[in-house]
Amino acid sequence: MSVAFRRESDDEHLEPTFELPIPAGPNYVTARGLAQISAKLADLTAHLDSLTNESDIKATKRELRYWNTRQSTAQLLDKPDGTRVAFGCTVDYVLNGKPNTITLVGDDEADPASGLISYSAPLARALMGAEEGELLDFSGKDGVIE
């Protein structure tokens, strides 16, 4: 029989579901970030037990796979000594004459509105390794970060 006359299943028309993307690079975490990952896993596991809808179960299991991977690859870094900007530092800086304060954290812990910037963000990469009083280049401009 020709495939033109076969009945297609409903599943053939569904959008594919991909895994949640894992950020590139090492999974550096602060102690706070590692605790957040553990709490997220506990919440999702408890939530999974209460679900009955198949699509909700699949979505929650997908999230659990993501957070299990993030927990298993987490690299807890020691607190920096504060002589140079490094992962876990809180940094006071001036950009274009405007003072700011940020803390460099892991990808999953980042919350720019709260001043928590991922260590892989362009601003964080520009600040890494800097010492107090140093002028840094950023966004193609020379010496705009102090």
C-alpha atoms as a PDB file:
ATOM      1  CA  MET A   1       0.000   0.000   0.000  1.00  0.00           C
ATOM      2  CA  SER A   2       1.294   3.471  -0.789  1.00  0.00           C
ATOM      3  CA  VAL A   3       2.383   5.611   2.111  1.00  0.00           C
ATOM      4  CA  ALA A   4       0.020   8.278   0.821  1.00  0.00           C
ATOM      5  CA  PHE A   5      -2.891   6.195   2.095  1.00  0.00           C
ATOM      6  CA  ARG A   6      -1.578   5.282   5.511  1.00  0.00           C
ATOM      7  CA  ARG A   7      -2.937   6.946   8.624  1.00  0.00           C
ATOM      8  CA  GLU A   8      -0.501   9.251  10.347  1.00  0.00           C
ATOM      9  CA  SER A   9      -0.362   9.178  14.105  1.00  0.00           C
ATOM     10  CA  ASP A  10      -1.024  12.306  16.088  1.00  0.00           C
ATOM     11  CA  ASP A  11       2.517  12.165  17.487  1.00  0.00           C
ATOM     12  CA  GLU A  12       4.028  12.829  14.061  1.00  0.00           C
ATOM     13  CA  HIS A  13       2.735  16.397  14.129  1.00  0.00           C
ATOM     14  CA  LEU A  14       4.009  17.327  17.583  1.00  0.00           C
ATOM     15  CA  GLU A  15       6.909  19.727  17.962  1.00  0.00           C
ATOM     16  CA  PRO A  16      10.069  17.907  19.059  1.00  0.00           C
ATOM     17  CA  THR A  17      11.060  18.394  22.683  1.00  0.00           C
ATOM     18  CA  PHE A  18      14.752  19.031  23.153  1.00  0.00           C
ATOM     19  CA  GLU A  19      16.755  18.864  26.337  1.00  0.00           C
ATOM     20  CA  LEU A  20      17.350  22.126  28.171  1.00  0.00           C
ATOM     21  CA  PRO A  21      20.615  23.631  26.904  1.00  0.00           C
ATOM     22  CA  ILE A  22      23.627  23.291  29.177  1.00  0.00           C
ATOM     23  CA  PRO A  23      25.810  26.423  29.245  1.00  0.00           C
ATOM     24  CA  ALA A  24      29.211  25.937  27.607  1.00  0.00           C
ATOM     25  CA  GLY A  25      32.318  25.763  29.748  1.00  0.00           C
ATOM     26  CA  PRO A  26      32.914  24.554  33.291  1.00  0.00           C
ATOM     27  CA  ASN A  27      30.077  24.588  35.799  1.00  0.00           C
ATOM     28  CA  TYR A  28      31.632  26.772  38.497  1.00  0.00           C
ATOM     29  CA  VAL A  29      29.394  27.357  41.499  1.00  0.00           C
ATOM     30  CA  THR A  30      29.525  29.241  44.764  1.00  0.00           C
ATOM     31  CA  ALA A  31      28.367  27.551  47.962  1.00  0.00           C
ATOM     32  CA  ARG A  32      25.114  29.494  47.575  1.00  0.00           C
ATOM     33  CA  GLY A  33      24.749  28.292  43.973  1.00  0.00           C
ATOM     34  CA  LEU A  34      25.303  24.661  44.957  1.00  0.00           C
ATOM     35  CA  ALA A  35      22.648  24.991  47.671  1.00  0.00           C
ATOM     36  CA  GLN A  36      20.240  26.478  45.107  1.00  0.00           C
ATOM     37  CA  ILE A  37      20.788  23.514  42.772  1.00  0.00           C
ATOM     38  CA  SER A  38      20.094  21.052  45.601  1.00  0.00           C
ATOM     39  CA  ALA A  39      16.946  22.945  46.606  1.00  0.00           C
ATOM     40  CA  LYS A  40      15.718  23.024  42.992  1.00  0.00           C
ATOM     41  CA  LEU A  41      16.205  19.255  42.710  1.00  0.00           C
ATOM     42  CA  ALA A  42      14.321  18.652  45.960  1.00  0.00           C
ATOM     43  CA  ASP A  43      11.445  20.901  44.855  1.00  0.00           C
ATOM     44  CA  LEU A  44      11.172  19.244  41.428  1.00  0.00           C
ATOM     45  CA  THR A  45      11.292  15.737  42.911  1.00  0.00           C
ATOM     46  CA  ALA A  46       8.512  16.589  45.367  1.00  0.00           C
ATOM     47  CA  HIS A  47       6.499  18.262  42.599  1.00  0.00           C
ATOM     48  CA  LEU A  48       6.895  15.238  40.301  1.00  0.00           C
ATOM     49  CA  ASP A  49       5.196  12.961  42.836  1.00  0.00           C
ATOM     50  CA  SER A  50       2.054  15.127  42.764  1.00  0.00           C
ATOM     51  CA  LEU A  51       1.679  15.257  38.966  1.00  0.00           C
ATOM     52  CA  THR A  52      -0.842  13.217  36.996  1.00  0.00           C
ATOM     53  CA  ASN A  53      -0.795  14.880  33.565  1.00  0.00           C
ATOM     54  CA  GLU A  54       1.646  13.089  31.208  1.00  0.00           C
ATOM     55  CA  SER A  55       2.934  16.270  29.559  1.00  0.00           C
ATOM     56  CA  ASP A  56       3.593  17.870  32.976  1.00  0.00           C
ATOM     57  CA  ILE A  57       5.452  14.733  34.077  1.00  0.00           C
ATOM     58  CA  LYS A  58       7.622  14.816  30.939  1.00  0.00           C
ATOM     59  CA  ALA A  59       8.400  18.512  31.389  1.00  0.00           C
ATOM     60  CA  THR A  60       9.326  18.035  35.049  1.00  0.00           C
ATOM     61  CA  LYS A  61      11.517  15.019  34.255  1.00  0.00           C
ATOM     62  CA  ARG A  62      13.249  17.114  31.604  1.00  0.00           C
ATOM     63  CA  GLU A  63      13.991  19.797  34.206  1.00  0.00           C
ATOM     64  CA  LEU A  64      15.193  17.134  36.648  1.00  0.00           C
ATOM     65  CA  ARG A  65      17.667  15.818  34.041  1.00  0.00           C
ATOM     66  CA  TYR A  66      19.011  19.350  33.590  1.00  0.00           C
ATOM     67  CA  TRP A  67      19.464  20.007  37.321  1.00  0.00           C
ATOM     68  CA  ASN A  68      20.912  16.520  37.976  1.00  0.00           C
ATOM     69  CA  THR A  69      23.481  17.214  35.271  1.00  0.00           C
ATOM     70  CA  ARG A  70      24.253  20.628  36.733  1.00  0.00           C
ATOM     71  CA  GLN A  71      24.674  19.115  40.200  1.00  0.00           C
ATOM     72  CA  SER A  72      26.919  16.296  38.991  1.00  0.00           C
ATOM     73  CA  THR A  73      29.161  18.682  37.017  1.00  0.00           C
ATOM     74  CA  ALA A  74      29.271  21.447  39.637  1.00  0.00           C
ATOM     75  CA  GLN A  75      32.739  22.622  40.644  1.00  0.00           C
ATOM     76  CA  LEU A  76      32.628  24.418  43.979  1.00  0.00           C
ATOM     77  CA  LEU A  77      35.363  27.039  43.992  1.00  0.00           C
ATOM     78  CA  ASP A  78      37.038  28.439  47.093  1.00  0.00           C
ATOM     79  CA  LYS A  79      36.312  32.015  48.088  1.00  0.00           C
ATOM     80  CA  PRO A  80      38.798  34.335  46.403  1.00  0.00           C
ATOM     81  CA  ASP A  81      41.351  36.240  48.492  1.00  0.00           C
ATOM     82  CA  GLY A  82      40.136  39.597  47.119  1.00  0.00           C
ATOM     83  CA  THR A  83      43.445  40.844  45.707  1.00  0.00           C
ATOM     84  CA  ARG A  84      42.248  40.331  42.125  1.00  0.00           C
ATOM     85  CA  VAL A  85      38.794  40.003  40.584  1.00  0.00           C
ATOM     86  CA  ALA A  86      37.913  36.307  40.460  1.00  0.00           C
ATOM     87  CA  PHE A  87      34.910  34.000  40.516  1.00  0.00           C
ATOM     88  CA  GLY A  88      32.891  34.633  43.683  1.00  0.00           C
ATOM     89  CA  CYS A  89      34.129  38.216  44.184  1.00  0.00           C
ATOM     90  CA  THR A  90      31.902  41.186  44.781  1.00  0.00           C
ATOM     91  CA  VAL A  91      33.266  44.009  42.660  1.00  0.00           C
ATOM     92  CA  ASP A  92      32.754  47.756  42.902  1.00  0.00           C
ATOM     93  CA  TYR A  93      33.539  49.421  39.583  1.00  0.00           C
ATOM     94  CA  VAL A  94      32.798  52.542  37.579  1.00  0.00           C
ATOM     95  CA  LEU A  95      31.594  52.197  33.990  1.00  0.00           C
ATOM     96  CA  ASN A  96      31.102  55.356  31.929  1.00  0.00           C
ATOM     97  CA  GLY A  97      31.166  57.436  35.119  1.00  0.00           C
ATOM     98  CA  LYS A  98      28.443  55.361  36.771  1.00  0.00           C
ATOM     99  CA  PRO A  99      29.307  53.322  39.919  1.00  0.00           C
ATOM    100  CA  ASN A 100      28.062  49.724  40.109  1.00  0.00           C
ATOM    101  CA  THR A 101      28.478  46.668  42.312  1.00  0.00           C
ATOM    102  CA  ILE A 102      28.203  43.083  41.071  1.00  0.00           C
ATOM    103  CA  THR A 103      29.061  39.604  42.313  1.00  0.00           C
ATOM    104  CA  LEU A 104      30.532  37.070  39.877  1.00  0.00           C
ATOM    105  CA  VAL A 105      28.670  33.765  40.158  1.00  0.00           C
ATOM    106  CA  GLY A 106      27.877  30.608  38.173  1.00  0.00           C
ATOM    107  CA  ASP A 107      25.567  30.515  35.159  1.00  0.00           C
ATOM    108  CA  ASP A 108      22.593  29.047  37.046  1.00  0.00           C
ATOM    109  CA  GLU A 109      22.926  31.452  39.966  1.00  0.00           C
ATOM    110  CA  ALA A 110      23.085  34.593  37.824  1.00  0.00           C
ATOM    111  CA  ASP A 111      20.422  37.239  38.386  1.00  0.00           C
ATOM    112  CA  PRO A 112      21.527  40.547  36.829  1.00  0.00           C
ATOM    113  CA  ALA A 113      18.664  42.498  38.437  1.00  0.00           C
ATOM    114  CA  SER A 114      20.071  41.491  41.842  1.00  0.00           C
ATOM    115  CA  GLY A 115      23.676  42.221  40.895  1.00  0.00           C
ATOM    116  CA  LEU A 116      24.612  38.562  40.371  1.00  0.00           C
ATOM    117  CA  ILE A 117      26.455  38.290  37.045  1.00  0.00           C
ATOM    118  CA  SER A 118      27.567  35.044  35.415  1.00  0.00           C
ATOM    119  CA  TYR A 119      31.336  34.675  35.240  1.00  0.00           C
ATOM    120  CA  SER A 120      30.911  33.995  31.505  1.00  0.00           C
ATOM    121  CA  ALA A 121      29.172  37.337  30.798  1.00  0.00           C
ATOM    122  CA  PRO A 122      31.208  39.870  28.779  1.00  0.00           C
ATOM    123  CA  LEU A 123      31.405  42.323  31.685  1.00  0.00           C
ATOM    124  CA  ALA A 124      32.619  39.603  34.058  1.00  0.00           C
ATOM    125  CA  ARG A 125      35.234  38.429  31.544  1.00  0.00           C
ATOM    126  CA  ALA A 126      36.467  42.031  31.204  1.00  0.00           C
ATOM    127  CA  LEU A 127      36.809  42.335  34.992  1.00  0.00           C
ATOM    128  CA  MET A 128      38.489  38.951  35.666  1.00  0.00           C
ATOM    129  CA  GLY A 129      42.024  39.276  36.954  1.00  0.00           C
ATOM    130  CA  ALA A 130      41.856  43.036  37.446  1.00  0.00           C
ATOM    131  CA  GLU A 131      43.285  44.744  40.508  1.00  0.00           C
ATOM    132  CA  GLU A 132      42.018  47.795  42.393  1.00  0.00           C
ATOM    133  CA  GLY A 133      42.535  51.060  40.515  1.00  0.00           C
ATOM    134  CA  GLU A 134      43.147  49.408  37.159  1.00  0.00           C
ATOM    135  CA  LEU A 135      41.543  50.829  33.987  1.00  0.00           C
ATOM    136  CA  LEU A 136      39.983  48.186  31.728  1.00  0.00           C
ATOM    137  CA  ASP A 137      38.821  48.045  28.135  1.00  0.00           C
ATOM    138  CA  PHE A 138      35.220  47.055  27.505  1.00  0.00           C
ATOM    139  CA  SER A 139      32.933  46.908  24.506  1.00  0.00           C
ATOM    140  CA  GLY A 140      35.653  48.041  22.129  1.00  0.00           C
ATOM    141  CA  LYS A 141      36.502  51.147  24.160  1.00  0.00           C
ATOM    142  CA  ASP A 142      39.767  51.719  25.998  1.00  0.00           C
ATOM    143  CA  GLY A 143      39.821  52.310  29.750  1.00  0.00           C
ATOM    144  CA  VAL A 144      36.082  52.679  30.340  1.00  0.00           C
ATOM    145  CA  ILE A 145      35.976  50.471  33.461  1.00  0.00           C
ATOM    146  CA  GLU A 146      37.752  51.538  36.635  1.00  0.00           C
END
